[in-house]
Amino acid sequence: MSRKIITLPNSHLREKSHKIGIVTDDVRRLIEDMKEATLKWEAGRDHEVGVALAAVQVDELVRIIVVRNDCNDKKNLEFTSFINPVIVKRQGELVEDFEGCLSVPDIYGKVSRYGKVKVRATDENGQQFRISADGFLARIFQHEIDHLQGVLFIDRIKENSDAFFQLTAEGKLEQLNYEEDVRNNSILW
């Protein structure tokens, strides 16, 4: 089943996702659909890589995320699924860096995230596991688990901020004027 990635202003992106009780074949099919939707989105983008996706982004309000196994290699099409993921520990300094989102097209922003996280989740066989992540991978987990709470990366950027950017057709980030380009653009909220 080919699923489309929903984008703002779809209100489902602002809703909390529900916990998965039992990992069924339907859950595993949804995971495959999520991977397919991410790769399909990426195929139409010259300057972006689909590194992860939350189930809410394909309009399913359940606590599932998929994360690309190698975020630096666009040719690596393998993902790991995380069912009911929870950040059990945040560590390190807060680091500000750029983030984008498949559900907020062409907008990027500087977001502060912890440098390290520990995540607990369930795999596709119903087994619980833990993973430690740092750097970009830690950022991905924080971003995707935020989705499960109905929080988008743009919510983490301060108002009146110079931290909003737009991706140009040439693949460059251009800074947006908060008052003119962001605040008055209701699609972001």
Protein backbone atom coordinates (compact mmCIF):
# COMPACT_ATOMS: atom_id res chain seq x y z
CA MET A 1 0.00 0.00 0.00
CA SER A 2 1.52 3.27 -1.03
CA ARG A 3 1.15 5.87 1.70
CA LYS A 4 1.61 9.59 1.36
CA ILE A 5 3.52 11.69 3.84
CA ILE A 6 1.23 14.28 5.39
CA THR A 7 2.42 17.86 5.81
CA LEU A 8 1.42 20.95 7.73
CA PRO A 9 -1.21 22.24 8.20
CA ASN A 10 -2.62 18.69 8.71
CA SER A 11 -3.78 18.73 12.34
CA HIS A 12 -2.90 15.06 12.93
CA LEU A 13 0.76 16.10 13.12
CA ARG A 14 -0.13 17.91 16.38
CA GLU A 15 -1.74 14.87 18.04
CA LYS A 16 -0.15 12.38 20.42
CA SER A 17 0.40 8.86 19.11
CA HIS A 18 -0.88 5.76 20.87
CA LYS A 19 1.23 2.94 22.25
CA ILE A 20 1.33 -0.38 20.35
CA GLY A 21 0.13 -3.25 22.55
CA ILE A 22 1.04 -6.26 20.40
CA VAL A 23 3.31 -6.35 17.36
CA THR A 24 1.10 -7.83 14.63
CA ASP A 25 1.45 -8.36 10.89
CA ASP A 26 -0.45 -5.08 10.41
CA VAL A 27 2.21 -3.28 12.46
CA ARG A 28 4.97 -4.87 10.38
CA ARG A 29 3.16 -3.85 7.15
CA LEU A 30 2.90 -0.28 8.44
CA ILE A 31 6.65 -0.29 9.11
CA GLU A 32 7.34 -1.41 5.53
CA ASP A 33 4.95 1.28 4.26
CA MET A 34 6.84 3.89 6.30
CA LYS A 35 10.17 2.85 4.80
CA GLU A 36 8.69 2.92 1.31
CA ALA A 37 7.15 6.37 1.87
CA THR A 38 10.49 7.73 3.09
CA LEU A 39 12.36 6.41 0.06
CA LYS A 40 9.65 7.61 -2.33
CA TRP A 41 9.87 11.11 -0.81
CA GLU A 42 13.64 11.05 -1.10
CA ALA A 43 13.54 9.97 -4.75
CA GLY A 44 12.04 13.33 -5.67
CA ARG A 45 14.71 15.32 -3.81
CA ASP A 46 18.14 16.09 -5.20
CA HIS A 47 19.55 17.75 -2.09
CA GLU A 48 17.90 15.87 0.79
CA VAL A 49 18.02 12.42 2.37
CA GLY A 50 15.12 10.78 4.19
CA VAL A 51 16.80 9.61 7.38
CA ALA A 52 13.77 8.76 9.53
CA LEU A 53 9.99 8.85 9.77
CA ALA A 54 7.35 8.62 12.48
CA ALA A 55 4.09 6.76 11.83
CA VAL A 56 2.06 9.94 12.34
CA GLN A 57 3.74 11.28 9.19
CA VAL A 58 1.85 8.67 7.16
CA ASP A 59 -1.28 9.54 9.14
CA GLU A 60 -1.15 6.65 11.63
CA LEU A 61 -1.26 7.80 15.25
CA VAL A 62 0.81 4.95 16.69
CA ARG A 63 4.21 5.04 18.41
CA ILE A 64 6.51 3.76 15.66
CA ILE A 65 9.58 5.33 14.07
CA VAL A 66 11.93 4.04 11.41
CA VAL A 67 15.54 5.24 11.21
CA ARG A 68 17.94 4.74 8.32
CA ASN A 69 20.85 2.47 9.22
CA ASP A 70 23.42 4.74 7.54
CA CYS A 71 22.26 8.36 7.34
CA ASN A 72 25.35 9.36 5.35
CA ASP A 73 24.82 6.90 2.50
CA LYS A 74 21.81 7.59 0.28
CA LYS A 75 22.42 4.24 -1.44
CA ASN A 76 21.90 2.32 1.81
CA LEU A 77 18.16 1.66 1.85
CA GLU A 78 18.08 -0.26 5.15
CA PHE A 79 16.12 1.02 8.16
CA THR A 80 15.67 -0.10 11.75
CA SER A 81 12.22 0.11 13.32
CA PHE A 82 11.52 1.29 16.85
CA ILE A 83 8.11 0.48 18.32
CA ASN A 84 7.05 2.45 21.41
CA PRO A 85 10.41 4.25 21.60
CA VAL A 86 11.17 6.22 24.76
CA ILE A 87 14.18 8.38 25.53
CA VAL A 88 15.28 7.08 28.92
CA LYS A 89 18.27 9.40 29.28
CA ARG A 90 19.48 12.65 27.74
CA GLN A 91 23.14 13.54 28.19
CA GLY A 92 25.78 15.97 27.14
CA GLU A 93 25.62 19.54 26.03
CA LEU A 94 22.74 21.09 24.13
CA VAL A 95 23.94 21.49 20.56
CA GLU A 96 22.25 23.79 18.04
CA ASP A 97 22.16 22.50 14.48
CA PHE A 98 19.97 22.46 11.39
CA GLU A 99 16.90 20.24 11.17
CA GLY A 100 14.33 19.68 8.48
CA CYS A 101 11.27 17.48 8.29
CA LEU A 102 9.46 15.57 5.57
CA SER A 103 6.20 17.00 6.95
CA VAL A 104 7.44 20.63 6.82
CA PRO A 105 8.63 20.85 3.20
CA ASP A 106 11.66 22.96 2.31
CA ILE A 107 11.89 24.63 5.74
CA TYR A 108 14.91 24.15 7.97
CA GLY A 109 15.75 25.57 11.34
CA LYS A 110 18.39 25.63 14.04
CA VAL A 111 17.24 23.51 16.97
CA SER A 112 19.00 22.76 20.25
CA ARG A 113 19.16 19.07 21.14
CA TYR A 114 21.12 16.95 23.58
CA GLY A 115 24.33 15.44 22.20
CA LYS A 116 23.59 11.94 23.53
CA VAL A 117 20.47 9.90 24.25
CA LYS A 118 19.59 6.40 25.39
CA VAL A 119 16.44 4.95 23.85
CA ARG A 120 14.34 1.95 24.84
CA ALA A 121 12.05 0.38 22.23
CA THR A 122 10.50 -2.83 20.97
CA ASP A 123 11.56 -4.51 17.72
CA GLU A 124 9.37 -6.14 15.05
CA ASN A 125 9.53 -9.46 16.94
CA GLY A 126 8.12 -7.93 20.12
CA GLN A 127 11.49 -7.93 21.92
CA GLN A 128 12.55 -4.93 23.97
CA PHE A 129 15.99 -3.44 23.31
CA ARG A 130 18.04 -0.35 24.11
CA ILE A 131 20.31 1.80 22.00
CA SER A 132 22.70 4.64 22.80
CA ALA A 133 23.12 7.36 20.21
CA ASP A 134 25.20 10.48 19.92
CA GLY A 135 25.63 13.32 17.46
CA PHE A 136 23.33 13.34 14.45
CA LEU A 137 21.70 10.03 15.40
CA ALA A 138 20.81 11.40 18.86
CA ARG A 139 19.23 14.41 17.11
CA ILE A 140 17.19 12.09 14.87
CA PHE A 141 15.79 10.17 17.84
CA GLN A 142 14.80 13.37 19.66
CA HIS A 143 13.16 14.76 16.49
CA GLU A 144 11.20 11.58 15.71
CA ILE A 145 10.11 10.89 19.29
CA ASP A 146 8.90 14.51 19.45
CA HIS A 147 6.60 13.62 16.51
CA LEU A 148 5.00 10.93 18.68
CA GLN A 149 4.09 13.68 21.16
CA GLY A 150 2.64 15.96 18.48
CA VAL A 151 5.68 18.25 18.55
CA LEU A 152 7.43 19.46 15.39
CA PHE A 153 10.96 20.83 15.11
CA ILE A 154 9.60 24.30 14.32
CA ASP A 155 7.99 24.30 17.78
CA ARG A 156 11.49 24.11 19.28
CA ILE A 157 12.65 27.30 17.55
CA LYS A 158 12.21 30.51 19.48
CA GLU A 159 9.85 33.17 18.16
CA ASN A 160 11.48 36.22 16.57
CA SER A 161 14.35 33.91 15.72
CA ASP A 162 16.86 34.15 12.93
CA ALA A 163 16.96 30.35 12.95
CA PHE A 164 14.47 29.67 10.11
CA PHE A 165 15.79 28.82 6.64
CA GLN A 166 14.35 27.74 3.30
CA LEU A 167 15.93 25.26 0.91
CA THR A 168 16.40 26.70 -2.58
CA ALA A 169 16.14 24.73 -5.82
CA GLU A 170 19.95 24.79 -5.93
CA GLY A 171 20.18 23.05 -2.55
CA LYS A 172 21.28 26.09 -0.55
CA LEU A 173 19.74 27.31 2.67
CA GLU A 174 18.56 30.92 2.68
CA GLN A 175 17.71 32.63 5.94
CA LEU A 176 14.08 33.68 6.32
CA ASN A 177 12.91 36.89 7.92
CA TYR A 178 10.84 35.89 10.95
CA GLU A 179 8.26 38.68 10.70
CA GLU A 180 7.80 38.60 6.93
CA ASP A 181 8.42 34.99 5.96
CA VAL A 182 7.68 32.89 9.04
CA ARG A 183 5.20 34.52 11.41
CA ASN A 184 2.78 35.45 8.65
CA ASN A 185 3.06 32.03 6.98
CA SER A 186 0.24 30.13 8.69
CA ILE A 187 1.28 26.81 7.10
CA LEU A 188 4.02 26.51 9.75
CA TRP A 189 1.58 26.70 12.62
